[in-house]
Amino acid sequence: MKTNSLIAKLGAGSLLLAGSISVALADARVRVAHLAPFADTIEGTSVTVAVNGEAILQDFTYGEFTGYLDLAPGTYQITVTPTGAGAPAISGSATLADNVDYTLAAVGNGSLQDLGLLALVDDNAAPAAGNLKLRVVHAAPFADTLEATEVSVRSDGGDVIAGLTNVPFNAASGVLEIPAGNYDLKVSTPDGRSNLIDLAPLDLPAGVSLTVFATGDGVNQPLGFLALPLGALPTEVPVDDRYSGHWYNPAVPGQGIGVHPVPSQDRLFATWYTFGAGGSQAWYVLDTCVTPGSIACNTIGFDGEVATFGIASVTGGSFNAPGGISTQAVGSLVVEFLTCSTATASFDVAGQTGSFNLVNLTPLASCTD
């Protein structure tokens, strides 16, 4: 990934913030965001932000941000001091240019990643009709090395967005101009096999310029998204391996469902072994994709807690012999996972409807509920 060359981290020393964005402004404009999860309570993250020794924000807590503040061009000394502390945790200087918009974000958690100030030059020029502008910033200090913080930005189906892979903490994308519409994105490990933050489906309006931050450290504060100027964005439970296992129906011994998550595609694949009305064994293939058993997955039926499976009946094969197998769509099954070891299911299969409970016989070692 090519990081934005206009990004820098304020520590000791001076930072020149300059750009050439064509926006008709009388002065420089600066908005400030608190994205530093250095305490495990919101109250504990309270800080005072001062410019040239004068407090401009007090009791400013994690997740809060300002609108744009007008400042005359020039060089400013900036400090961020935890409430009640005697010395700043972050200090530096910034030179602001006329007619330029900036975002300054306090980042890091002071343990895994150092506290600092991330400085961004904003692009608020209007997008083309029907479009919006989007920039993605990694501000989630969840690991103690930059390499370990690397992530990819993907669609729920697993496709990498705009080449955003191996993105480290404190890096940002360029400004992307995209059509307005419904988006369902997630932050994953670089290989896409593990999901870290899953955005709930969201309608993004035309005409806006958004900066979306991945936030939190997963220890003091949960991982999530913050969009400027919208605020916190809704998230879903990320799809991972937690529901993997052999789930059985305790009311009917000898029948159950094998569940196999595919986190890279936000997908669950399953097999249901049961019996037909006449007592013969029946084998169903279940998939949260629109077409059971397909390689690609463009229609998602799993939000991290509730899975809607399409069901296909598998018939016609012979033991350990190729060929002769046919599949036919026969209904749907909805499974609500209550924990990693209990669930409820409701079905509509070949004209029959009903519900039953499920218990995981082979939960992962990490399953403690």
Protein backbone atom coordinates (compact mmCIF):
# COMPACT_ATOMS: atom_id res chain seq x y z
CA MET A 1 0.00 0.00 0.00
CA LYS A 2 1.24 3.52 -0.74
CA THR A 3 0.55 5.60 2.34
CA ASN A 4 -0.53 9.21 2.10
CA SER A 5 2.65 11.34 1.99
CA LEU A 6 0.84 14.11 3.86
CA ILE A 7 0.49 11.98 6.99
CA ALA A 8 2.87 12.39 9.90
CA LYS A 9 2.95 11.60 13.59
CA LEU A 10 3.53 14.51 15.98
CA GLY A 11 6.04 13.79 18.69
CA ALA A 12 8.92 16.00 19.73
CA GLY A 13 9.77 18.43 16.96
CA SER A 14 7.88 20.27 14.28
CA LEU A 15 5.45 19.19 11.58
CA LEU A 16 4.65 21.14 8.44
CA LEU A 17 1.12 20.52 7.23
CA ALA A 18 0.72 21.81 3.70
CA GLY A 19 -1.43 20.97 0.73
CA SER A 20 -2.92 22.33 -2.45
CA ILE A 21 -6.61 21.49 -2.13
CA SER A 22 -8.84 24.01 -3.90
CA VAL A 23 -11.34 25.10 -1.27
CA ALA A 24 -12.28 28.75 -0.87
CA LEU A 25 -11.54 29.42 2.79
CA ALA A 26 -10.56 32.57 4.68
CA ASP A 27 -8.26 30.68 7.08
CA ALA A 28 -6.97 27.22 7.76
CA ARG A 29 -9.59 24.92 9.29
CA VAL A 30 -8.77 22.18 11.78
CA ARG A 31 -10.95 19.49 13.36
CA VAL A 32 -9.74 17.41 16.29
CA ALA A 33 -10.59 13.78 17.13
CA HIS A 34 -9.76 11.73 20.23
CA LEU A 35 -8.97 8.18 19.05
CA ALA A 36 -6.44 7.18 21.74
CA PRO A 37 -7.79 4.23 23.81
CA PHE A 38 -5.30 4.57 26.67
CA ALA A 39 -7.80 3.72 29.46
CA ASP A 40 -10.47 1.06 29.96
CA THR A 41 -13.23 3.54 30.77
CA ILE A 42 -14.39 6.49 28.70
CA GLU A 43 -13.99 8.78 31.72
CA GLY A 44 -10.40 7.60 32.10
CA THR A 45 -9.53 8.84 28.61
CA SER A 46 -10.44 12.45 29.41
CA VAL A 47 -7.86 14.98 28.19
CA THR A 48 -7.29 18.69 27.73
CA VAL A 49 -6.15 19.88 24.31
CA ALA A 50 -4.24 23.15 24.32
CA VAL A 51 -3.00 25.36 21.48
CA ASN A 52 -0.15 27.74 22.29
CA GLY A 53 -0.75 27.05 25.96
CA GLU A 54 -4.46 27.90 25.88
CA ALA A 55 -6.96 25.09 26.52
CA ILE A 56 -9.39 24.78 23.63
CA LEU A 57 -10.93 21.42 24.62
CA GLN A 58 -11.46 20.16 28.16
CA ASP A 59 -12.83 16.80 29.35
CA PHE A 60 -12.39 15.63 25.76
CA THR A 61 -12.90 11.86 25.76
CA TYR A 62 -12.24 8.89 23.48
CA GLY A 63 -14.54 8.85 20.46
CA GLU A 64 -15.31 12.57 20.55
CA PHE A 65 -14.46 14.96 17.73
CA THR A 66 -15.03 18.59 16.83
CA GLY A 67 -16.28 20.37 13.78
CA TYR A 68 -13.81 22.52 11.89
CA LEU A 69 -12.17 25.28 13.92
CA ASP A 70 -10.95 28.38 12.07
CA LEU A 71 -7.29 29.23 12.68
CA ALA A 72 -5.11 31.85 11.05
CA PRO A 73 -2.20 30.44 9.05
CA GLY A 74 0.94 30.00 11.13
CA THR A 75 2.76 27.71 13.52
CA TYR A 76 1.04 26.41 16.66
CA GLN A 77 2.21 24.45 19.67
CA ILE A 78 -0.19 21.62 20.48
CA THR A 79 -0.38 19.61 23.71
CA VAL A 80 -2.71 16.83 24.85
CA THR A 81 -2.76 16.30 28.61
CA PRO A 82 -4.72 13.58 30.45
CA THR A 83 -7.14 15.14 32.93
CA GLY A 84 -5.44 15.50 36.29
CA ALA A 85 -1.93 14.89 34.92
CA GLY A 86 0.86 17.37 35.41
CA ALA A 87 2.49 16.99 32.02
CA PRO A 88 1.30 16.49 28.44
CA ALA A 89 1.19 12.99 27.00
CA ILE A 90 1.46 14.38 23.45
CA SER A 91 3.19 17.55 22.34
CA GLY A 92 4.35 19.01 19.06
CA SER A 93 4.03 21.90 16.66
CA ALA A 94 2.07 22.31 13.46
CA THR A 95 2.33 24.88 10.70
CA LEU A 96 -1.03 25.50 9.06
CA ALA A 97 -1.37 26.87 5.55
CA ASP A 98 -4.07 29.24 4.31
CA ASN A 99 -7.10 27.71 2.54
CA VAL A 100 -6.36 24.15 3.73
CA ASP A 101 -8.50 21.82 5.89
CA TYR A 102 -6.86 19.48 8.41
CA THR A 103 -7.80 16.64 10.75
CA LEU A 104 -5.68 16.08 13.87
CA ALA A 105 -6.35 12.83 15.73
CA ALA A 106 -4.87 11.70 19.02
CA VAL A 107 -3.93 8.04 18.49
CA GLY A 108 -2.15 5.14 20.19
CA ASN A 109 -2.78 3.63 23.59
CA GLY A 110 0.54 4.27 25.30
CA SER A 111 1.32 0.56 25.72
CA LEU A 112 1.07 -1.37 22.46
CA GLN A 113 1.60 1.76 20.35
CA ASP A 114 2.94 5.12 21.49
CA LEU A 115 0.58 8.02 22.00
CA GLY A 116 0.85 10.60 19.25
CA LEU A 117 -1.01 12.90 16.94
CA LEU A 118 -1.94 11.82 13.43
CA ALA A 119 -2.21 14.75 11.02
CA LEU A 120 -4.19 14.56 7.79
CA VAL A 121 -4.84 17.06 5.01
CA ASP A 122 -8.53 16.87 4.08
CA ASP A 123 -10.08 17.01 0.64
CA ASN A 124 -13.46 18.71 0.90
CA ALA A 125 -13.86 19.59 -2.78
CA ALA A 126 -17.25 18.39 -4.02
CA PRO A 127 -17.30 14.94 -5.67
CA ALA A 128 -19.00 14.31 -9.01
CA ALA A 129 -22.79 14.07 -8.96
CA GLY A 130 -23.99 10.86 -7.33
CA ASN A 131 -20.59 10.17 -5.74
CA LEU A 132 -18.94 10.61 -2.36
CA LYS A 133 -15.33 10.83 -1.23
CA LEU A 134 -13.94 8.24 1.17
CA ARG A 135 -10.61 7.93 2.97
CA VAL A 136 -9.78 5.00 5.27
CA VAL A 137 -7.34 5.41 8.17
CA HIS A 138 -5.89 2.70 10.43
CA ALA A 139 -5.96 4.13 13.97
CA ALA A 140 -6.41 0.86 15.92
CA PRO A 141 -3.33 0.12 18.10
CA PHE A 142 -4.13 -3.54 18.77
CA ALA A 143 -0.58 -5.00 18.51
CA ASP A 144 2.90 -4.04 19.69
CA THR A 145 4.67 -3.97 16.30
CA LEU A 146 3.67 -2.22 13.09
CA GLU A 147 3.87 -5.51 11.19
CA ALA A 148 1.45 -7.15 13.62
CA THR A 149 -1.04 -4.30 13.16
CA GLU A 150 -1.24 -4.78 9.37
CA VAL A 151 -4.77 -5.29 8.03
CA SER A 152 -6.69 -5.45 4.79
CA VAL A 153 -9.96 -3.71 3.91
CA ARG A 154 -12.44 -6.01 2.18
CA SER A 155 -16.02 -6.48 1.10
CA ASP A 156 -18.09 -8.93 3.15
CA GLY A 157 -17.49 -11.42 0.32
CA GLY A 158 -13.73 -11.14 0.81
CA ASP A 159 -12.67 -8.91 -2.09
CA VAL A 160 -9.86 -6.44 -1.30
CA ILE A 161 -11.01 -2.81 -1.65
CA ALA A 162 -8.81 -0.37 -3.60
CA GLY A 163 -5.66 -2.43 -3.03
CA LEU A 164 -5.85 -1.87 0.73
CA THR A 165 -3.88 -4.77 2.12
CA ASN A 166 -0.92 -4.88 4.54
CA VAL A 167 -2.07 -1.51 5.91
CA PRO A 168 -0.21 -0.72 9.19
CA PHE A 169 -1.24 1.39 12.16
CA ASN A 170 -1.14 5.14 11.42
CA ALA A 171 -1.46 4.69 7.64
CA ALA A 172 -4.22 6.07 5.44
CA SER A 173 -5.54 5.44 1.98
CA GLY A 174 -5.75 8.10 -0.62
CA VAL A 175 -9.10 9.76 -1.21
CA LEU A 176 -11.40 7.38 -3.08
CA GLU A 177 -14.34 8.72 -5.08
CA ILE A 178 -17.09 6.10 -5.11
CA PRO A 179 -20.81 5.96 -6.02
CA ALA A 180 -23.28 6.62 -3.23
CA GLY A 181 -25.08 3.47 -2.09
CA ASN A 182 -25.11 0.63 0.41
CA TYR A 183 -21.73 -0.65 1.55
CA ASP A 184 -20.84 -3.66 3.69
CA LEU A 185 -17.12 -3.67 4.48
CA LYS A 186 -14.79 -5.23 7.00
CA VAL A 187 -11.23 -5.07 8.30
CA SER A 188 -9.39 -8.39 8.19
CA THR A 189 -5.91 -9.76 8.58
CA PRO A 190 -3.81 -9.22 5.42
CA ASP A 191 -4.60 -12.75 4.15
CA GLY A 192 -8.34 -12.28 4.79
CA ARG A 193 -8.63 -15.43 6.88
CA SER A 194 -9.51 -13.68 10.15
CA ASN A 195 -11.93 -10.79 10.51
CA LEU A 196 -11.28 -8.01 13.01
CA ILE A 197 -14.02 -5.39 12.49
CA ASP A 198 -17.21 -5.91 10.48
CA LEU A 199 -19.23 -2.89 9.37
CA ALA A 200 -22.99 -3.38 9.41
CA PRO A 201 -24.54 -2.63 5.98
CA LEU A 202 -24.62 1.15 5.67
CA ASP A 203 -26.06 3.64 3.17
CA LEU A 204 -23.44 6.25 2.26
CA PRO A 205 -24.95 9.45 0.83
CA ALA A 206 -23.82 11.39 -2.22
CA GLY A 207 -21.97 14.67 -1.94
CA VAL A 208 -20.08 14.04 1.31
CA SER A 209 -16.39 13.65 2.10
CA LEU A 210 -15.84 10.97 4.76
CA THR A 211 -12.77 9.90 6.67
CA VAL A 212 -13.36 6.48 8.24
CA PHE A 213 -11.03 5.46 11.07
CA ALA A 214 -10.55 1.90 12.31
CA THR A 215 -10.44 2.47 16.07
CA GLY A 216 -9.92 0.76 19.42
CA ASP A 217 -7.28 -1.64 20.69
CA GLY A 218 -9.48 -4.60 21.62
CA VAL A 219 -8.22 -4.33 25.23
CA ASN A 220 -9.13 -0.96 26.72
CA GLN A 221 -11.71 -0.07 24.09
CA PRO A 222 -13.44 -2.34 21.54
CA LEU A 223 -12.45 -2.36 17.89
CA GLY A 224 -14.80 -0.32 15.73
CA PHE A 225 -15.22 2.42 13.13
CA LEU A 226 -15.53 6.18 13.46
CA ALA A 227 -16.44 8.28 10.42
CA LEU A 228 -15.87 12.02 10.29
CA PRO A 229 -18.15 13.92 10.26
CA LEU A 230 -20.83 11.23 10.89
CA GLY A 231 -19.64 9.61 14.14
CA ALA A 232 -19.40 5.98 15.26
CA LEU A 233 -20.57 3.46 12.66
CA PRO A 234 -22.62 0.33 13.47
CA THR A 235 -20.74 -2.96 13.48
CA GLU A 236 -21.61 -6.66 13.50
CA VAL A 237 -19.98 -9.61 15.22
CA PRO A 238 -17.04 -10.53 12.94
CA VAL A 239 -17.29 -13.95 11.32
CA ASP A 240 -14.64 -16.30 12.69
CA ASP A 241 -14.33 -19.97 13.66
CA ARG A 242 -16.25 -19.70 16.95
CA TYR A 243 -19.27 -21.71 15.72
CA SER A 244 -17.26 -24.46 14.09
CA GLY A 245 -18.23 -27.92 15.28
CA HIS A 246 -20.53 -30.90 15.20
CA TRP A 247 -23.95 -29.68 16.35
CA TYR A 248 -26.55 -32.28 17.31
CA ASN A 249 -30.27 -32.14 17.98
CA PRO A 250 -30.72 -33.52 21.52
CA ALA A 251 -34.40 -34.32 20.89
CA VAL A 252 -33.65 -36.73 18.00
CA PRO A 253 -30.46 -38.77 18.58
CA GLY A 254 -28.47 -39.59 15.47
CA GLN A 255 -29.33 -36.35 13.66
CA GLY A 256 -27.42 -33.09 13.55
CA ILE A 257 -25.47 -30.51 11.58
CA GLY A 258 -21.76 -30.10 10.90
CA VAL A 259 -20.90 -26.37 10.71
CA HIS A 260 -17.82 -25.12 8.84
CA PRO A 261 -17.18 -21.33 8.86
CA VAL A 262 -15.43 -19.62 5.95
CA PRO A 263 -14.40 -16.31 7.59
CA SER A 264 -12.78 -14.89 4.45
CA GLN A 265 -16.24 -14.81 2.78
CA ASP A 266 -18.36 -14.12 5.90
CA ARG A 267 -19.90 -17.49 5.12
CA LEU A 268 -21.02 -20.66 6.86
CA PHE A 269 -21.09 -23.99 5.07
CA ALA A 270 -22.84 -26.93 6.74
CA THR A 271 -24.07 -30.49 6.22
CA TRP A 272 -27.29 -31.80 7.75
CA TYR A 273 -27.60 -35.53 8.32
CA THR A 274 -31.16 -36.63 9.04
CA PHE A 275 -33.88 -38.96 7.69
CA GLY A 276 -36.61 -38.67 5.12
CA ALA A 277 -40.30 -39.19 5.84
CA GLY A 278 -40.00 -42.88 4.96
CA GLY A 279 -37.05 -43.48 7.28
CA SER A 280 -34.29 -43.49 4.67
CA GLN A 281 -31.17 -41.45 5.36
CA ALA A 282 -31.20 -37.92 3.96
CA TRP A 283 -28.18 -35.69 3.34
CA TYR A 284 -28.50 -31.94 2.89
CA VAL A 285 -25.93 -29.34 1.94
CA LEU A 286 -26.42 -25.99 3.68
CA ASP A 287 -24.81 -22.71 2.66
CA THR A 288 -25.32 -19.09 3.62
CA CYS A 289 -24.52 -18.18 0.01
CA VAL A 290 -27.38 -17.99 -2.44
CA THR A 291 -26.20 -21.13 -4.24
CA PRO A 292 -25.25 -23.96 -1.86
CA GLY A 293 -21.81 -25.33 -2.62
CA SER A 294 -20.73 -22.54 -4.98
CA ILE A 295 -17.12 -21.36 -4.88
CA ALA A 296 -17.93 -17.64 -5.04
CA CYS A 297 -20.11 -16.02 -2.43
CA ASN A 298 -21.89 -12.85 -3.48
CA THR A 299 -25.02 -13.06 -1.32
CA ILE A 300 -24.34 -13.17 2.39
CA GLY A 301 -26.76 -14.83 4.80
CA PHE A 302 -24.73 -14.56 7.98
CA ASP A 303 -24.29 -11.50 10.18
CA GLY A 304 -22.09 -13.11 12.82
CA GLU A 305 -24.96 -14.33 15.02
CA VAL A 306 -27.82 -15.49 12.78
CA ALA A 307 -27.24 -17.70 9.74
CA THR A 308 -29.81 -18.13 6.96
CA PHE A 309 -28.93 -21.26 5.02
CA GLY A 310 -30.16 -22.32 1.63
CA ILE A 311 -30.72 -26.09 1.66
CA ALA A 312 -29.98 -28.47 -1.19
CA SER A 313 -30.88 -32.15 -1.20
CA VAL A 314 -28.06 -34.45 -2.38
CA THR A 315 -29.13 -37.72 -4.07
CA GLY A 316 -28.10 -40.30 -6.64
CA GLY A 317 -24.56 -41.17 -5.65
CA SER A 318 -22.92 -44.54 -4.96
CA PHE A 319 -20.47 -45.32 -2.16
CA ASN A 320 -16.92 -44.26 -3.04
CA ALA A 321 -17.87 -43.92 -6.69
CA PRO A 322 -17.83 -40.81 -8.91
CA GLY A 323 -20.79 -39.39 -10.78
CA GLY A 324 -24.51 -39.76 -10.44
CA ILE A 325 -24.92 -37.07 -7.78
CA SER A 326 -27.60 -34.42 -8.19
CA THR A 327 -28.59 -31.52 -5.97
CA GLN A 328 -31.91 -29.75 -5.70
CA ALA A 329 -32.88 -26.70 -3.65
CA VAL A 330 -35.49 -27.79 -1.11
CA GLY A 331 -35.83 -25.00 1.47
CA SER A 332 -34.12 -22.93 4.13
CA LEU A 333 -32.83 -23.19 7.67
CA VAL A 334 -32.28 -20.25 10.04
CA VAL A 335 -29.85 -20.85 12.94
CA GLU A 336 -29.48 -18.36 15.77
CA PHE A 337 -26.25 -18.95 17.67
CA LEU A 338 -26.87 -18.16 21.32
CA THR A 339 -23.33 -19.08 22.38
CA CYS A 340 -20.49 -21.06 20.80
CA SER A 341 -22.10 -24.23 22.20
CA THR A 342 -25.89 -23.63 21.98
CA ALA A 343 -28.21 -22.55 19.18
CA THR A 344 -31.80 -22.68 17.98
CA ALA A 345 -32.91 -23.57 14.46
CA SER A 346 -36.09 -23.14 12.43
CA PHE A 347 -36.66 -24.83 9.09
CA ASP A 348 -38.82 -24.83 6.00
CA VAL A 349 -37.94 -27.97 4.05
CA ALA A 350 -40.03 -29.67 1.36
CA GLY A 351 -43.26 -28.32 2.79
CA GLN A 352 -42.38 -29.10 6.41
CA THR A 353 -41.75 -26.39 8.97
CA GLY A 354 -40.62 -26.48 12.58
CA SER A 355 -37.82 -25.69 15.00
CA PHE A 356 -35.34 -27.46 17.25
CA ASN A 357 -32.40 -26.83 19.57
CA LEU A 358 -28.76 -27.56 18.82
CA VAL A 359 -25.79 -28.32 21.08
CA ASN A 360 -22.17 -28.26 19.90
CA LEU A 361 -20.54 -31.62 20.61
CA THR A 362 -17.09 -30.45 19.48
CA PRO A 363 -16.63 -26.78 20.42
CA LEU A 364 -13.23 -25.16 19.95
CA ALA A 365 -10.90 -25.01 22.93
CA SER A 366 -11.50 -21.23 23.08
CA CYS A 367 -15.25 -21.78 23.65
CA THR A 368 -15.92 -21.13 27.32
CA ASP A 369 -19.70 -20.53 27.37
